Amino acid sequence: MQKEILKSIENIEIYPIISLLVFVLFFVGMGIWVFRVDRKYIDHMKSLPMDEKPKTNNSHE
């Protein structure tokens, strides 16, 4: 039944290509962000779970 429904939709073959393209673009974008992010920002985010009181420095928001 599902095969007949999917066969009846015109241009259905484009959706897997679009979803793969979105996944690849997101993965590449996150890779670029990881390599370009400032080291101070990483250290600040790394120390957040261990801080008992919030810092007043809001330069990374």
C-alpha atoms as a PDB file:
ATOM      1  CA  MET A   1       0.000   0.000   0.000  1.00  0.00           C
ATOM      2  CA  GLN A   2       2.759   2.461   0.900  1.00  0.00           C
ATOM      3  CA  LYS A   3       4.643   1.729  -2.307  1.00  0.00           C
ATOM      4  CA  GLU A   4       1.591   2.602  -4.401  1.00  0.00           C
ATOM      5  CA  ILE A   5       1.097   5.850  -2.503  1.00  0.00           C
ATOM      6  CA  LEU A   6       4.751   6.835  -2.910  1.00  0.00           C
ATOM      7  CA  LYS A   7       4.719   5.911  -6.603  1.00  0.00           C
ATOM      8  CA  SER A   8       1.682   8.114  -7.171  1.00  0.00           C
ATOM      9  CA  ILE A   9       3.473  11.242  -5.892  1.00  0.00           C
ATOM     10  CA  GLU A  10       5.214  13.108  -8.680  1.00  0.00           C
ATOM     11  CA  ASN A  11       8.905  13.994  -8.246  1.00  0.00           C
ATOM     12  CA  ILE A  12       9.192  12.028  -4.979  1.00  0.00           C
ATOM     13  CA  GLU A  13      12.767  11.027  -5.835  1.00  0.00           C
ATOM     14  CA  ILE A  14      14.023  14.560  -5.089  1.00  0.00           C
ATOM     15  CA  TYR A  15      13.260  14.361  -1.326  1.00  0.00           C
ATOM     16  CA  PRO A  16      16.057  11.914  -0.396  1.00  0.00           C
ATOM     17  CA  ILE A  17      18.516  14.067  -2.335  1.00  0.00           C
ATOM     18  CA  ILE A  18      17.349  17.214  -0.538  1.00  0.00           C
ATOM     19  CA  SER A  19      17.562  15.554   2.885  1.00  0.00           C
ATOM     20  CA  LEU A  20      21.090  14.296   2.158  1.00  0.00           C
ATOM     21  CA  LEU A  21      22.101  17.766   0.986  1.00  0.00           C
ATOM     22  CA  VAL A  22      20.722  19.369   4.174  1.00  0.00           C
ATOM     23  CA  PHE A  23      22.593  16.835   6.316  1.00  0.00           C
ATOM     24  CA  VAL A  24      25.888  17.350   4.484  1.00  0.00           C
ATOM     25  CA  LEU A  25      25.589  21.152   4.595  1.00  0.00           C
ATOM     26  CA  PHE A  26      24.857  21.075   8.332  1.00  0.00           C
ATOM     27  CA  PHE A  27      27.787  18.704   8.981  1.00  0.00           C
ATOM     28  CA  VAL A  28      30.200  20.819   6.922  1.00  0.00           C
ATOM     29  CA  GLY A  29      28.932  24.025   8.547  1.00  0.00           C
ATOM     30  CA  MET A  30      29.451  22.632  12.034  1.00  0.00           C
ATOM     31  CA  GLY A  31      32.931  21.430  11.063  1.00  0.00           C
ATOM     32  CA  ILE A  32      33.855  24.894   9.823  1.00  0.00           C
ATOM     33  CA  TRP A  33      32.454  26.472  12.996  1.00  0.00           C
ATOM     34  CA  VAL A  34      34.430  24.074  15.218  1.00  0.00           C
ATOM     35  CA  PHE A  35      37.708  24.924  13.517  1.00  0.00           C
ATOM     36  CA  ARG A  36      37.081  28.695  13.486  1.00  0.00           C
ATOM     37  CA  VAL A  37      35.605  29.247  16.970  1.00  0.00           C
ATOM     38  CA  ASP A  38      37.611  31.303  19.459  1.00  0.00           C
ATOM     39  CA  ARG A  39      39.488  29.296  22.091  1.00  0.00           C
ATOM     40  CA  LYS A  40      38.305  31.682  24.852  1.00  0.00           C
ATOM     41  CA  TYR A  41      34.699  30.857  23.993  1.00  0.00           C
ATOM     42  CA  ILE A  42      35.413  27.111  24.260  1.00  0.00           C
ATOM     43  CA  ASP A  43      37.120  27.547  27.636  1.00  0.00           C
ATOM     44  CA  HIS A  44      34.246  29.706  28.892  1.00  0.00           C
ATOM     45  CA  MET A  45      31.617  27.138  27.851  1.00  0.00           C
ATOM     46  CA  LYS A  46      33.724  24.292  29.263  1.00  0.00           C
ATOM     47  CA  SER A  47      33.843  25.913  32.703  1.00  0.00           C
ATOM     48  CA  LEU A  48      30.133  26.780  32.921  1.00  0.00           C
ATOM     49  CA  PRO A  49      28.881  23.505  34.464  1.00  0.00           C
ATOM     50  CA  MET A  50      31.405  23.786  37.310  1.00  0.00           C
ATOM     51  CA  ASP A  51      30.761  27.453  38.161  1.00  0.00           C
ATOM     52  CA  GLU A  52      28.796  27.936  41.360  1.00  0.00           C
ATOM     53  CA  LYS A  53      27.990  31.580  40.736  1.00  0.00           C
ATOM     54  CA  PRO A  54      27.332  33.178  37.340  1.00  0.00           C
ATOM     55  CA  LYS A  55      30.008  35.410  35.915  1.00  0.00           C
ATOM     56  CA  THR A  56      29.187  39.049  35.250  1.00  0.00           C
ATOM     57  CA  ASN A  57      31.229  39.060  32.027  1.00  0.00           C
ATOM     58  CA  ASN A  58      28.673  38.739  29.206  1.00  0.00           C
ATOM     59  CA  SER A  59      31.079  39.082  26.310  1.00  0.00           C
ATOM     60  CA  HIS A  60      30.287  35.591  24.939  1.00  0.00           C
ATOM     61  CA  GLU A  61      26.506  35.911  24.671  1.00  0.00           C
END
